[in-house]
PDB file of N, CA and C in Angstrom:
ATOM      1  N   MET A   1      -0.603 -32.460 -14.709  1.00  0.00           N
ATOM      2  CA  MET A   1       0.497 -31.705 -15.198  1.00  0.00           C
ATOM      3  C   MET A   1      -0.098 -30.413 -15.785  1.00  0.00           C
ATOM      4  N   HIS A   2       0.483 -29.293 -15.557  1.00  0.00           N
ATOM      5  CA  HIS A   2       0.033 -28.059 -16.126  1.00  0.00           C
ATOM      6  C   HIS A   2       1.082 -27.731 -17.223  1.00  0.00           C
ATOM      7  N   PHE A   3       0.567 -26.991 -18.300  1.00  0.00           N
ATOM      8  CA  PHE A   3       1.333 -26.679 -19.392  1.00  0.00           C
ATOM      9  C   PHE A   3       2.547 -25.905 -19.053  1.00  0.00           C
ATOM     10  N   TYR A   4       2.389 -24.792 -18.186  1.00  0.00           N
ATOM     11  CA  TYR A   4       3.423 -23.990 -17.766  1.00  0.00           C
ATOM     12  C   TYR A   4       4.233 -24.557 -16.702  1.00  0.00           C
ATOM     13  N   ASP A   5       3.817 -25.596 -15.976  1.00  0.00           N
ATOM     14  CA  ASP A   5       4.377 -26.081 -14.815  1.00  0.00           C
ATOM     15  C   ASP A   5       4.458 -27.676 -14.951  1.00  0.00           C
ATOM     16  N   PRO A   6       5.352 -28.249 -15.800  1.00  0.00           N
ATOM     17  CA  PRO A   6       5.292 -29.674 -16.016  1.00  0.00           C
ATOM     18  C   PRO A   6       5.699 -30.441 -14.808  1.00  0.00           C
ATOM     19  N   LYS A   7       6.573 -29.996 -13.959  1.00  0.00           N
ATOM     20  CA  LYS A   7       7.012 -30.694 -12.780  1.00  0.00           C
ATOM     21  C   LYS A   7       6.052 -30.614 -11.694  1.00  0.00           C
ATOM     22  N   GLY A   8       5.097 -29.638 -11.653  1.00  0.00           N
ATOM     23  CA  GLY A   8       4.109 -29.513 -10.601  1.00  0.00           C
ATOM     24  C   GLY A   8       4.648 -28.769  -9.407  1.00  0.00           C
ATOM     25  N   SER A   9       5.718 -27.964  -9.653  1.00  0.00           N
ATOM     26  CA  SER A   9       6.339 -27.345  -8.538  1.00  0.00           C
ATOM     27  C   SER A   9       5.769 -26.027  -8.125  1.00  0.00           C
ATOM     28  N   TRP A  10       4.916 -25.501  -8.917  1.00  0.00           N
ATOM     29  CA  TRP A  10       4.287 -24.177  -8.636  1.00  0.00           C
ATOM     30  C   TRP A  10       2.961 -24.264  -7.766  1.00  0.00           C
ATOM     31  N   GLY A  11       2.498 -25.462  -7.692  1.00  0.00           N
ATOM     32  CA  GLY A  11       1.259 -25.770  -6.934  1.00  0.00           C
ATOM     33  C   GLY A  11       0.049 -25.145  -7.627  1.00  0.00           C
ATOM     34  N   LEU A  12      -0.031 -25.344  -8.903  1.00  0.00           N
ATOM     35  CA  LEU A  12      -1.236 -24.917  -9.776  1.00  0.00           C
ATOM     36  C   LEU A  12      -2.134 -26.004  -9.850  1.00  0.00           C
ATOM     37  N   ASP A  13      -3.436 -25.649  -9.844  1.00  0.00           N
ATOM     38  CA  ASP A  13      -4.481 -26.479 -10.032  1.00  0.00           C
ATOM     39  C   ASP A  13      -5.062 -26.273 -11.554  1.00  0.00           C
ATOM     40  N   GLN A  14      -5.464 -27.350 -12.143  1.00  0.00           N
ATOM     41  CA  GLN A  14      -5.984 -27.224 -13.473  1.00  0.00           C
ATOM     42  C   GLN A  14      -7.223 -26.379 -13.581  1.00  0.00           C
ATOM     43  N   GLY A  15      -8.099 -26.527 -12.607  1.00  0.00           N
ATOM     44  CA  GLY A  15      -9.428 -25.827 -12.687  1.00  0.00           C
ATOM     45  C   GLY A  15     -10.303 -26.374 -13.641  1.00  0.00           C
ATOM     46  N   SER A  16     -11.451 -25.676 -13.788  1.00  0.00           N
ATOM     47  CA  SER A  16     -12.503 -26.210 -14.649  1.00  0.00           C
ATOM     48  C   SER A  16     -12.264 -26.059 -16.134  1.00  0.00           C
ATOM     49  N   ARG A  17     -11.417 -24.973 -16.475  1.00  0.00           N
ATOM     50  CA  ARG A  17     -11.123 -24.810 -17.881  1.00  0.00           C
ATOM     51  C   ARG A  17      -9.683 -25.024 -18.288  1.00  0.00           C
ATOM     52  N   GLY A  18      -8.957 -25.593 -17.366  1.00  0.00           N
ATOM     53  CA  GLY A  18      -7.566 -25.962 -17.665  1.00  0.00           C
ATOM     54  C   GLY A  18      -6.606 -24.828 -17.264  1.00  0.00           C
ATOM     55  N   HIS A  19      -7.113 -23.628 -16.771  1.00  0.00           N
ATOM     56  CA  HIS A  19      -6.205 -22.538 -16.417  1.00  0.00           C
ATOM     57  C   HIS A  19      -5.673 -22.798 -15.028  1.00  0.00           C
ATOM     58  N   GLY A  20      -4.469 -22.481 -14.880  1.00  0.00           N
ATOM     59  CA  GLY A  20      -3.895 -22.618 -13.550  1.00  0.00           C
ATOM     60  C   GLY A  20      -4.305 -21.572 -12.462  1.00  0.00           C
ATOM     61  N   THR A  21      -4.840 -22.076 -11.455  1.00  0.00           N
ATOM     62  CA  THR A  21      -5.190 -21.153 -10.305  1.00  0.00           C
ATOM     63  C   THR A  21      -4.315 -21.499  -9.138  1.00  0.00           C
ATOM     64  N   PRO A  22      -3.740 -20.610  -8.368  1.00  0.00           N
ATOM     65  CA  PRO A  22      -2.860 -20.879  -7.288  1.00  0.00           C
ATOM     66  C   PRO A  22      -3.677 -21.571  -6.160  1.00  0.00           C
ATOM     67  N   GLN A  23      -2.999 -22.587  -5.483  1.00  0.00           N
ATOM     68  CA  GLN A  23      -3.604 -23.239  -4.294  1.00  0.00           C
ATOM     69  C   GLN A  23      -2.832 -22.705  -3.118  1.00  0.00           C
ATOM     70  N   GLY A  24      -3.405 -21.819  -2.424  1.00  0.00           N
ATOM     71  CA  GLY A  24      -2.751 -21.327  -1.341  1.00  0.00           C
ATOM     72  C   GLY A  24      -3.706 -20.410  -0.467  1.00  0.00           C
ATOM     73  N   ASP A  25      -3.057 -19.736   0.351  1.00  0.00           N
ATOM     74  CA  ASP A  25      -3.919 -18.884   1.255  1.00  0.00           C
ATOM     75  C   ASP A  25      -4.348 -17.614   0.591  1.00  0.00           C
ATOM     76  N   PRO A  26      -5.653 -17.363   0.575  1.00  0.00           N
ATOM     77  CA  PRO A  26      -6.135 -16.190  -0.138  1.00  0.00           C
ATOM     78  C   PRO A  26      -5.693 -14.858   0.530  1.00  0.00           C
ATOM     79  N   GLU A  27      -5.349 -14.961   1.805  1.00  0.00           N
ATOM     80  CA  GLU A  27      -4.915 -13.772   2.491  1.00  0.00           C
ATOM     81  C   GLU A  27      -3.492 -13.399   2.083  1.00  0.00           C
ATOM     82  N   MET A  28      -2.818 -14.313   1.498  1.00  0.00           N
ATOM     83  CA  MET A  28      -1.462 -13.914   0.940  1.00  0.00           C
ATOM     84  C   MET A  28      -1.528 -12.988  -0.257  1.00  0.00           C
ATOM     85  N   ASP A  29      -2.659 -12.984  -0.978  1.00  0.00           N
ATOM     86  CA  ASP A  29      -2.903 -12.043  -2.059  1.00  0.00           C
ATOM     87  C   ASP A  29      -3.087 -10.689  -1.437  1.00  0.00           C
ATOM     88  N   TRP A  30      -3.750 -10.519  -0.319  1.00  0.00           N
ATOM     89  CA  TRP A  30      -3.855  -9.255   0.278  1.00  0.00           C
ATOM     90  C   TRP A  30      -2.618  -8.741   0.708  1.00  0.00           C
ATOM     91  N   LEU A  31      -1.832  -9.567   1.355  1.00  0.00           N
ATOM     92  CA  LEU A  31      -0.521  -9.151   1.891  1.00  0.00           C
ATOM     93  C   LEU A  31       0.431  -8.755   0.746  1.00  0.00           C
ATOM     94  N   LEU A  32       0.372  -9.486  -0.417  1.00  0.00           N
ATOM     95  CA  LEU A  32       1.196  -9.100  -1.530  1.00  0.00           C
ATOM     96  C   LEU A  32       0.674  -7.840  -2.133  1.00  0.00           C
ATOM     97  N   GLN A  33      -0.617  -7.571  -2.272  1.00  0.00           N
ATOM     98  CA  GLN A  33      -1.112  -6.374  -2.745  1.00  0.00           C
ATOM     99  C   GLN A  33      -0.675  -5.207  -1.887  1.00  0.00           C
ATOM    100  N   PHE A  34      -0.729  -5.391  -0.495  1.00  0.00           N
ATOM    101  CA  PHE A  34      -0.302  -4.320   0.404  1.00  0.00           C
ATOM    102  C   PHE A  34       1.130  -4.040   0.144  1.00  0.00           C
ATOM    103  N   GLY A  35       1.956  -4.972  -0.002  1.00  0.00           N
ATOM    104  CA  GLY A  35       3.340  -4.818  -0.192  1.00  0.00           C
ATOM    105  C   GLY A  35       3.647  -4.065  -1.534  1.00  0.00           C
ATOM    106  N   LEU A  36       2.929  -4.391  -2.561  1.00  0.00           N
ATOM    107  CA  LEU A  36       3.146  -3.771  -3.893  1.00  0.00           C
ATOM    108  C   LEU A  36       2.641  -2.264  -3.815  1.00  0.00           C
ATOM    109  N   VAL A  37       1.543  -2.063  -3.207  1.00  0.00           N
ATOM    110  CA  VAL A  37       1.040  -0.665  -3.084  1.00  0.00           C
ATOM    111  C   VAL A  37       2.064   0.150  -2.271  1.00  0.00           C
ATOM    112  N   ALA A  38       2.374  -0.273  -1.130  1.00  0.00           N
ATOM    113  CA  ALA A  38       3.401   0.473  -0.271  1.00  0.00           C
ATOM    114  C   ALA A  38       4.686   0.652  -1.008  1.00  0.00           C
ATOM    115  N   SER A  39       5.161  -0.334  -1.696  1.00  0.00           N
ATOM    116  CA  SER A  39       6.498  -0.058  -2.366  1.00  0.00           C
ATOM    117  C   SER A  39       6.284   0.833  -3.565  1.00  0.00           C
ATOM    118  N   LEU A  40       5.148   0.875  -4.223  1.00  0.00           N
ATOM    119  CA  LEU A  40       4.924   1.850  -5.213  1.00  0.00           C
ATOM    120  C   LEU A  40       4.877   3.215  -4.711  1.00  0.00           C
ATOM    121  N   CYS A  41       4.211   3.437  -3.548  1.00  0.00           N
ATOM    122  CA  CYS A  41       4.244   4.781  -2.889  1.00  0.00           C
ATOM    123  C   CYS A  41       5.585   5.187  -2.538  1.00  0.00           C
ATOM    124  N   LEU A  42       6.429   4.251  -1.973  1.00  0.00           N
ATOM    125  CA  LEU A  42       7.799   4.677  -1.655  1.00  0.00           C
ATOM    126  C   LEU A  42       8.583   4.995  -2.876  1.00  0.00           C
ATOM    127  N   PHE A  43       8.427   4.209  -4.015  1.00  0.00           N
ATOM    128  CA  PHE A  43       9.134   4.447  -5.259  1.00  0.00           C
ATOM    129  C   PHE A  43       8.758   5.887  -5.742  1.00  0.00           C
ATOM    130  N   LEU A  44       7.463   6.162  -5.749  1.00  0.00           N
ATOM    131  CA  LEU A  44       7.017   7.539  -6.240  1.00  0.00           C
ATOM    132  C   LEU A  44       7.520   8.665  -5.335  1.00  0.00           C
ATOM    133  N   ALA A  45       7.635   8.410  -4.121  1.00  0.00           N
ATOM    134  CA  ALA A  45       8.156   9.417  -3.140  1.00  0.00           C
ATOM    135  C   ALA A  45       9.606   9.701  -3.262  1.00  0.00           C
ATOM    136  N   SER A  46      10.345   8.628  -3.816  1.00  0.00           N
ATOM    137  CA  SER A  46      11.728   8.733  -3.967  1.00  0.00           C
ATOM    138  C   SER A  46      12.133   9.879  -4.986  1.00  0.00           C
ATOM    139  N   PHE A  47      11.298  10.250  -5.818  1.00  0.00           N
ATOM    140  CA  PHE A  47      11.558  11.371  -6.725  1.00  0.00           C
ATOM    141  C   PHE A  47      11.495  12.692  -6.164  1.00  0.00           C
ATOM    142  N   ALA A  48      11.063  12.850  -4.843  1.00  0.00           N
ATOM    143  CA  ALA A  48      10.999  14.129  -4.136  1.00  0.00           C
ATOM    144  C   ALA A  48      12.356  14.422  -3.556  1.00  0.00           C
ATOM    145  N   PRO A  49      12.667  15.651  -3.176  1.00  0.00           N
ATOM    146  CA  PRO A  49      13.837  16.021  -2.560  1.00  0.00           C
ATOM    147  C   PRO A  49      14.032  15.313  -1.249  1.00  0.00           C
ATOM    148  N   SER A  50      15.290  14.955  -0.911  1.00  0.00           N
ATOM    149  CA  SER A  50      15.541  14.029   0.186  1.00  0.00           C
ATOM    150  C   SER A  50      14.937  14.642   1.505  1.00  0.00           C
ATOM    151  N   ALA A  51      14.939  15.871   1.691  1.00  0.00           N
ATOM    152  CA  ALA A  51      14.314  16.538   2.919  1.00  0.00           C
ATOM    153  C   ALA A  51      12.769  16.330   3.016  1.00  0.00           C
ATOM    154  N   LEU A  52      12.183  16.149   1.909  1.00  0.00           N
ATOM    155  CA  LEU A  52      10.685  15.989   1.850  1.00  0.00           C
ATOM    156  C   LEU A  52      10.295  14.573   1.604  1.00  0.00           C
ATOM    157  N   PHE A  53      11.182  13.560   1.531  1.00  0.00           N
ATOM    158  CA  PHE A  53      10.807  12.246   1.233  1.00  0.00           C
ATOM    159  C   PHE A  53       9.891  11.683   2.275  1.00  0.00           C
ATOM    160  N   PRO A  54      10.108  11.784   3.533  1.00  0.00           N
ATOM    161  CA  PRO A  54       9.108  11.156   4.480  1.00  0.00           C
ATOM    162  C   PRO A  54       7.741  11.791   4.418  1.00  0.00           C
ATOM    163  N   LEU A  55       7.640  13.078   4.170  1.00  0.00           N
ATOM    164  CA  LEU A  55       6.319  13.699   4.031  1.00  0.00           C
ATOM    165  C   LEU A  55       5.587  13.288   2.720  1.00  0.00           C
ATOM    166  N   VAL A  56       6.319  13.258   1.586  1.00  0.00           N
ATOM    167  CA  VAL A  56       5.704  12.871   0.407  1.00  0.00           C
ATOM    168  C   VAL A  56       5.327  11.407   0.447  1.00  0.00           C
ATOM    169  N   ALA A  57       6.133  10.501   1.072  1.00  0.00           N
ATOM    170  CA  ALA A  57       5.763   9.169   1.146  1.00  0.00           C
ATOM    171  C   ALA A  57       4.630   8.974   2.000  1.00  0.00           C
ATOM    172  N   ALA A  58       4.476   9.635   3.101  1.00  0.00           N
ATOM    173  CA  ALA A  58       3.275   9.666   4.029  1.00  0.00           C
ATOM    174  C   ALA A  58       2.134  10.061   3.252  1.00  0.00           C
ATOM    175  N   ARG A  59       2.179  11.033   2.457  1.00  0.00           N
ATOM    176  CA  ARG A  59       1.037  11.601   1.683  1.00  0.00           C
ATOM    177  C   ARG A  59       0.635  10.579   0.704  1.00  0.00           C
ATOM    178  N   PHE A  60       1.547   9.902  -0.049  1.00  0.00           N
ATOM    179  CA  PHE A  60       1.240   8.839  -0.980  1.00  0.00           C
ATOM    180  C   PHE A  60       0.610   7.581  -0.305  1.00  0.00           C
ATOM    181  N   LEU A  61       1.135   7.289   0.881  1.00  0.00           N
ATOM    182  CA  LEU A  61       0.458   6.174   1.613  1.00  0.00           C
ATOM    183  C   LEU A  61      -0.908   6.533   2.099  1.00  0.00           C
ATOM    184  N   GLU A  62      -1.171   7.740   2.519  1.00  0.00           N
ATOM    185  CA  GLU A  62      -2.541   8.152   2.937  1.00  0.00           C
ATOM    186  C   GLU A  62      -3.477   8.191   1.728  1.00  0.00           C
ATOM    187  N   LEU A  63      -2.937   8.555   0.535  1.00  0.00           N
ATOM    188  CA  LEU A  63      -3.874   8.549  -0.625  1.00  0.00           C
ATOM    189  C   LEU A  63      -4.207   7.072  -1.111  1.00  0.00           C
ATOM    190  N   ALA A  64      -3.217   6.175  -0.904  1.00  0.00           N
ATOM    191  CA  ALA A  64      -3.459   4.793  -1.224  1.00  0.00           C
ATOM    192  C   ALA A  64      -4.400   4.205  -0.186  1.00  0.00           C
ATOM    193  N   ALA A  65      -4.355   4.669   1.036  1.00  0.00           N
ATOM    194  CA  ALA A  65      -5.330   4.167   2.071  1.00  0.00           C
ATOM    195  C   ALA A  65      -6.785   4.683   1.588  1.00  0.00           C
ATOM    196  N   LEU A  66      -6.760   5.911   1.159  1.00  0.00           N
ATOM    197  CA  LEU A  66      -8.165   6.366   0.714  1.00  0.00           C
ATOM    198  C   LEU A  66      -8.610   5.564  -0.484  1.00  0.00           C
ATOM    199  N   GLY A  67      -7.726   5.142  -1.406  1.00  0.00           N
ATOM    200  CA  GLY A  67      -8.147   4.416  -2.547  1.00  0.00           C
ATOM    201  C   GLY A  67      -8.503   2.919  -2.046  1.00  0.00           C
ATOM    202  N   SER A  68      -7.932   2.426  -1.019  1.00  0.00           N
ATOM    203  CA  SER A  68      -8.223   1.077  -0.571  1.00  0.00           C
ATOM    204  C   SER A  68      -9.618   1.037   0.215  1.00  0.00           C
ATOM    205  N   SER A  69      -9.830   2.173   0.883  1.00  0.00           N
ATOM    206  CA  SER A  69     -11.188   2.279   1.565  1.00  0.00           C
ATOM    207  C   SER A  69     -12.241   2.435   0.488  1.00  0.00           C
ATOM    208  N   LEU A  70     -12.012   3.178  -0.597  1.00  0.00           N
ATOM    209  CA  LEU A  70     -12.931   3.224  -1.680  1.00  0.00           C
ATOM    210  C   LEU A  70     -13.297   1.879  -2.281  1.00  0.00           C
ATOM    211  N   GLU A  71     -12.122   1.164  -2.564  1.00  0.00           N
ATOM    212  CA  GLU A  71     -12.266  -0.152  -3.062  1.00  0.00           C
ATOM    213  C   GLU A  71     -13.092  -1.062  -2.162  1.00  0.00           C
ATOM    214  N   ALA A  72     -12.768  -0.988  -0.795  1.00  0.00           N
ATOM    215  CA  ALA A  72     -13.592  -1.830   0.139  1.00  0.00           C
ATOM    216  C   ALA A  72     -15.083  -1.419   0.070  1.00  0.00           C
ATOM    217  N   THR A  73     -15.325  -0.159  -0.025  1.00  0.00           N
ATOM    218  CA  THR A  73     -16.727   0.315  -0.077  1.00  0.00           C
ATOM    219  C   THR A  73     -17.424  -0.255  -1.374  1.00  0.00           C
ATOM    220  N   LEU A  74     -16.674  -0.148  -2.448  1.00  0.00           N
ATOM    221  CA  LEU A  74     -17.345  -0.624  -3.727  1.00  0.00           C
ATOM    222  C   LEU A  74     -17.513  -2.179  -3.770  1.00  0.00           C
ATOM    223  N   ARG A  75     -16.645  -2.854  -3.129  1.00  0.00           N
ATOM    224  CA  ARG A  75     -16.746  -4.378  -3.079  1.00  0.00           C
ATOM    225  C   ARG A  75     -17.758  -4.740  -2.028  1.00  0.00           C
ATOM    226  N   GLY A  76     -18.099  -3.928  -1.027  1.00  0.00           N
ATOM    227  CA  GLY A  76     -19.047  -4.352  -0.067  1.00  0.00           C
ATOM    228  C   GLY A  76     -18.403  -5.173   1.099  1.00  0.00           C
ATOM    229  N   ASP A  77     -17.112  -4.945   1.331  1.00  0.00           N
ATOM    230  CA  ASP A  77     -16.489  -5.685   2.369  1.00  0.00           C
ATOM    231  C   ASP A  77     -16.827  -5.127   3.691  1.00  0.00           C
ATOM    232  N   ARG A  78     -16.947  -6.168   4.698  1.00  0.00           N
ATOM    233  CA  ARG A  78     -17.292  -5.753   6.021  1.00  0.00           C
ATOM    234  C   ARG A  78     -15.949  -5.275   6.683  1.00  0.00           C
ATOM    235  N   VAL A  79     -16.164  -4.359   7.667  1.00  0.00           N
ATOM    236  CA  VAL A  79     -15.023  -3.800   8.303  1.00  0.00           C
ATOM    237  C   VAL A  79     -14.339  -4.808   9.193  1.00  0.00           C
ATOM    238  N   PHE A  80     -15.115  -5.533   9.993  1.00  0.00           N
ATOM    239  CA  PHE A  80     -14.602  -6.528  10.945  1.00  0.00           C
ATOM    240  C   PHE A  80     -14.928  -7.895  10.422  1.00  0.00           C
ATOM    241  N   ASP A  81     -14.047  -8.442   9.648  1.00  0.00           N
ATOM    242  CA  ASP A  81     -14.315  -9.709   8.935  1.00  0.00           C
ATOM    243  C   ASP A  81     -13.185 -10.703   9.509  1.00  0.00           C
ATOM    244  N   ASP A  82     -13.388 -11.960   9.342  1.00  0.00           N
ATOM    245  CA  ASP A  82     -12.399 -12.944   9.807  1.00  0.00           C
ATOM    246  C   ASP A  82     -11.208 -13.076   8.853  1.00  0.00           C
ATOM    247  N   ARG A  83     -11.362 -12.604   7.685  1.00  0.00           N
ATOM    248  CA  ARG A  83     -10.220 -12.543   6.701  1.00  0.00           C
ATOM    249  C   ARG A  83      -9.754 -11.178   6.479  1.00  0.00           C
ATOM    250  N   LEU A  84      -8.643 -11.155   5.797  1.00  0.00           N
ATOM    251  CA  LEU A  84      -8.049  -9.828   5.457  1.00  0.00           C
ATOM    252  C   LEU A  84      -8.909  -9.182   4.289  1.00  0.00           C
ATOM    253  N   THR A  85      -9.228  -7.906   4.395  1.00  0.00           N
ATOM    254  CA  THR A  85     -10.047  -7.251   3.372  1.00  0.00           C
ATOM    255  C   THR A  85      -9.339  -5.958   2.930  1.00  0.00           C
ATOM    256  N   ALA A  86      -9.932  -5.232   2.110  1.00  0.00           N
ATOM    257  CA  ALA A  86      -9.349  -3.982   1.675  1.00  0.00           C
ATOM    258  C   ALA A  86      -9.396  -2.983   2.837  1.00  0.00           C
ATOM    259  N   TRP A  87     -10.334  -3.131   3.787  1.00  0.00           N
ATOM    260  CA  TRP A  87     -10.277  -2.285   4.986  1.00  0.00           C
ATOM    261  C   TRP A  87      -8.971  -2.479   5.804  1.00  0.00           C
ATOM    262  N   ASP A  88      -8.543  -3.702   5.888  1.00  0.00           N
ATOM    263  CA  ASP A  88      -7.259  -3.974   6.621  1.00  0.00           C
ATOM    264  C   ASP A  88      -6.140  -3.286   5.907  1.00  0.00           C
ATOM    265  N   GLN A  89      -6.165  -3.393   4.533  1.00  0.00           N
ATOM    266  CA  GLN A  89      -5.117  -2.733   3.776  1.00  0.00           C
ATOM    267  C   GLN A  89      -5.126  -1.313   3.893  1.00  0.00           C
ATOM    268  N   ALA A  90      -6.296  -0.682   3.963  1.00  0.00           N
ATOM    269  CA  ALA A  90      -6.399   0.748   4.137  1.00  0.00           C
ATOM    270  C   ALA A  90      -5.930   1.230   5.591  1.00  0.00           C
ATOM    271  N   ALA A  91      -6.257   0.337   6.576  1.00  0.00           N
ATOM    272  CA  ALA A  91      -5.829   0.688   7.916  1.00  0.00           C
ATOM    273  C   ALA A  91      -4.234   0.577   8.056  1.00  0.00           C
ATOM    274  N   ALA A  92      -3.670  -0.415   7.305  1.00  0.00           N
ATOM    275  CA  ALA A  92      -2.214  -0.580   7.442  1.00  0.00           C
ATOM    276  C   ALA A  92      -1.429   0.463   6.671  1.00  0.00           C
ATOM    277  N   LEU A  93      -2.021   0.920   5.511  1.00  0.00           N
ATOM    278  CA  LEU A  93      -1.408   2.013   4.741  1.00  0.00           C
ATOM    279  C   LEU A  93      -1.526   3.376   5.569  1.00  0.00           C
ATOM    280  N   MET A  94      -2.666   3.576   6.154  1.00  0.00           N
ATOM    281  CA  MET A  94      -2.814   4.859   7.036  1.00  0.00           C
ATOM    282  C   MET A  94      -1.827   4.734   8.180  1.00  0.00           C
ATOM    283  N   ALA A  95      -1.753   3.633   8.873  1.00  0.00           N
ATOM    284  CA  ALA A  95      -0.880   3.525   9.935  1.00  0.00           C
ATOM    285  C   ALA A  95       0.584   3.733   9.548  1.00  0.00           C
ATOM    286  N   ALA A  96       0.951   3.214   8.352  1.00  0.00           N
ATOM    287  CA  ALA A  96       2.342   3.480   7.872  1.00  0.00           C
ATOM    288  C   ALA A  96       2.622   4.954   7.608  1.00  0.00           C
ATOM    289  N   GLY A  97       1.603   5.557   7.012  1.00  0.00           N
ATOM    290  CA  GLY A  97       1.664   6.990   6.740  1.00  0.00           C
ATOM    291  C   GLY A  97       1.838   7.841   8.013  1.00  0.00           C
ATOM    292  N   LEU A  98       1.019   7.499   8.959  1.00  0.00           N
ATOM    293  CA  LEU A  98       1.049   8.246  10.230  1.00  0.00           C
ATOM    294  C   LEU A  98       2.322   7.967  10.920  1.00  0.00           C
ATOM    295  N   LEU A  99       2.788   6.802  10.845  1.00  0.00           N
ATOM    296  CA  LEU A  99       4.109   6.492  11.511  1.00  0.00           C
ATOM    297  C   LEU A  99       5.269   7.336  10.889  1.00  0.00           C
ATOM    298  N   LEU A 100       5.306   7.463   9.578  1.00  0.00           N
ATOM    299  CA  LEU A 100       6.249   8.222   8.916  1.00  0.00           C
ATOM    300  C   LEU A 100       6.133   9.716   9.359  1.00  0.00           C
ATOM    301  N   ARG A 101       4.920  10.249   9.401  1.00  0.00           N
ATOM    302  CA  ARG A 101       4.757  11.624   9.869  1.00  0.00           C
ATOM    303  C   ARG A 101       5.241  11.891  11.301  1.00  0.00           C
ATOM    304  N   LEU A 102       4.940  10.875  12.203  1.00  0.00           N
ATOM    305  CA  LEU A 102       5.291  11.012  13.689  1.00  0.00           C
ATOM    306  C   LEU A 102       6.798  10.781  13.815  1.00  0.00           C
ATOM    307  N   LEU A 103       7.393   9.911  13.034  1.00  0.00           N
ATOM    308  CA  LEU A 103       8.821   9.712  13.274  1.00  0.00           C
ATOM    309  C   LEU A 103       9.747  10.913  12.676  1.00  0.00           C
ATOM    310  N   PHE A 104       9.337  11.408  11.443  1.00  0.00           N
ATOM    311  CA  PHE A 104      10.136  12.334  10.817  1.00  0.00           C
ATOM    312  C   PHE A 104       9.666  13.807  10.906  1.00  0.00           C
ATOM    313  N   GLY A 105       8.393  14.004  10.906  1.00  0.00           N
ATOM    314  CA  GLY A 105       7.816  15.272  11.020  1.00  0.00           C
ATOM    315  C   GLY A 105       8.244  16.237   9.929  1.00  0.00           C
ATOM    316  N   LEU A 106       8.163  17.438  10.223  1.00  0.00           N
ATOM    317  CA  LEU A 106       8.521  18.521   9.192  1.00  0.00           C
ATOM    318  C   LEU A 106      10.046  18.811   9.431  1.00  0.00           C
ATOM    319  N   PRO A 107      10.839  18.866   8.422  1.00  0.00           N
ATOM    320  CA  PRO A 107      12.318  19.122   8.550  1.00  0.00           C
ATOM    321  C   PRO A 107      12.388  20.553   9.032  1.00  0.00           C
ATOM    322  N   PRO A 108      13.516  20.786   9.876  1.00  0.00           N
ATOM    323  CA  PRO A 108      13.711  22.095  10.555  1.00  0.00           C
ATOM    324  C   PRO A 108      13.901  23.236   9.385  1.00  0.00           C
ATOM    325  N   GLU A 109      14.376  22.953   8.278  1.00  0.00           N
ATOM    326  CA  GLU A 109      14.707  23.950   7.297  1.00  0.00           C
ATOM    327  C   GLU A 109      13.371  24.385   6.584  1.00  0.00           C
ATOM    328  N   LEU A 110      12.339  23.506   6.817  1.00  0.00           N
ATOM    329  CA  LEU A 110      10.982  23.902   6.202  1.00  0.00           C
ATOM    330  C   LEU A 110       9.996  24.383   7.209  1.00  0.00           C
ATOM    331  N   ALA A 111      10.408  24.401   8.489  1.00  0.00           N
ATOM    332  CA  ALA A 111       9.485  24.817   9.503  1.00  0.00           C
ATOM    333  C   ALA A 111       8.949  26.295   9.358  1.00  0.00           C
ATOM    334  N   ALA A 112       7.884  26.617   9.786  1.00  0.00           N
ATOM    335  CA  ALA A 112       7.172  27.917   9.628  1.00  0.00           C
ATOM    336  C   ALA A 112       8.023  29.013  10.157  1.00  0.00           C
ATOM    337  N   GLU A 113       8.704  28.780  11.231  1.00  0.00           N
ATOM    338  CA  GLU A 113       9.514  29.835  11.904  1.00  0.00           C
ATOM    339  C   GLU A 113      10.581  30.332  11.033  1.00  0.00           C
ATOM    340  N   GLY A 114      11.219  29.442  10.290  1.00  0.00           N
ATOM    341  CA  GLY A 114      12.374  29.796   9.521  1.00  0.00           C
ATOM    342  C   GLY A 114      12.012  30.226   8.004  1.00  0.00           C
ATOM    343  N   MET A 115      10.869  30.218   7.711  1.00  0.00           N
ATOM    344  CA  MET A 115      10.447  30.594   6.305  1.00  0.00           C
ATOM    345  C   MET A 115      10.207  32.042   6.159  1.00  0.00           C
ATOM    346  N   PRO A 116      10.546  32.689   5.012  1.00  0.00           N
ATOM    347  CA  PRO A 116      10.294  34.016   4.797  1.00  0.00           C
ATOM    348  C   PRO A 116       8.856  34.327   4.736  1.00  0.00           C
ATOM    349  N   ALA A 117       8.414  35.560   4.959  1.00  0.00           N
ATOM    350  CA  ALA A 117       7.050  36.021   4.979  1.00  0.00           C
ATOM    351  C   ALA A 117       6.502  35.755   3.552  1.00  0.00           C
ATOM    352  N   GLY A 118       5.261  35.194   3.481  1.00  0.00           N
ATOM    353  CA  GLY A 118       4.699  34.989   2.156  1.00  0.00           C
ATOM    354  C   GLY A 118       4.965  33.650   1.545  1.00  0.00           C
ATOM    355  N   ALA A 119       5.807  32.893   2.155  1.00  0.00           N
ATOM    356  CA  ALA A 119       6.200  31.570   1.548  1.00  0.00           C
ATOM    357  C   ALA A 119       5.164  30.604   1.900  1.00  0.00           C
ATOM    358  N   ALA A 120       4.737  29.610   0.942  1.00  0.00           N
ATOM    359  CA  ALA A 120       3.846  28.703   1.242  1.00  0.00           C
ATOM    360  C   ALA A 120       4.329  27.518   2.022  1.00  0.00           C
ATOM    361  N   VAL A 121       3.598  26.998   3.021  1.00  0.00           N
ATOM    362  CA  VAL A 121       3.927  25.943   3.872  1.00  0.00           C
ATOM    363  C   VAL A 121       3.387  24.625   3.120  1.00  0.00           C
ATOM    364  N   PRO A 122       4.210  23.665   2.878  1.00  0.00           N
ATOM    365  CA  PRO A 122       3.800  22.355   2.238  1.00  0.00           C
ATOM    366  C   PRO A 122       2.826  21.647   3.029  1.00  0.00           C
TER     367      PRO A 122
END
């Protein structure tokens, strides 16, 4: 019996020091982390104007992919491993960002042809 889980329904193990550790697939942690990072990127991009949302979301996803690849490098993860690693998270985040860019592209009202001379292109 665990202090926080008296009925044993959470699947917590007592561990060596009595702290509850989850008994489950360690790859679920990576999938959960991927979902949280992607949802944080979409949440932050939701503050952009609606015409720019796909581009801002794609940029945030690409920056998150860069951070995941940095994490994988610092942890010493192998690129081709049998389990999910931070490299897989970086690849999935980059693919999601690329998919957003390919599907939505630059809005017509922000295209370079319709912009006045001297205006900055995002």
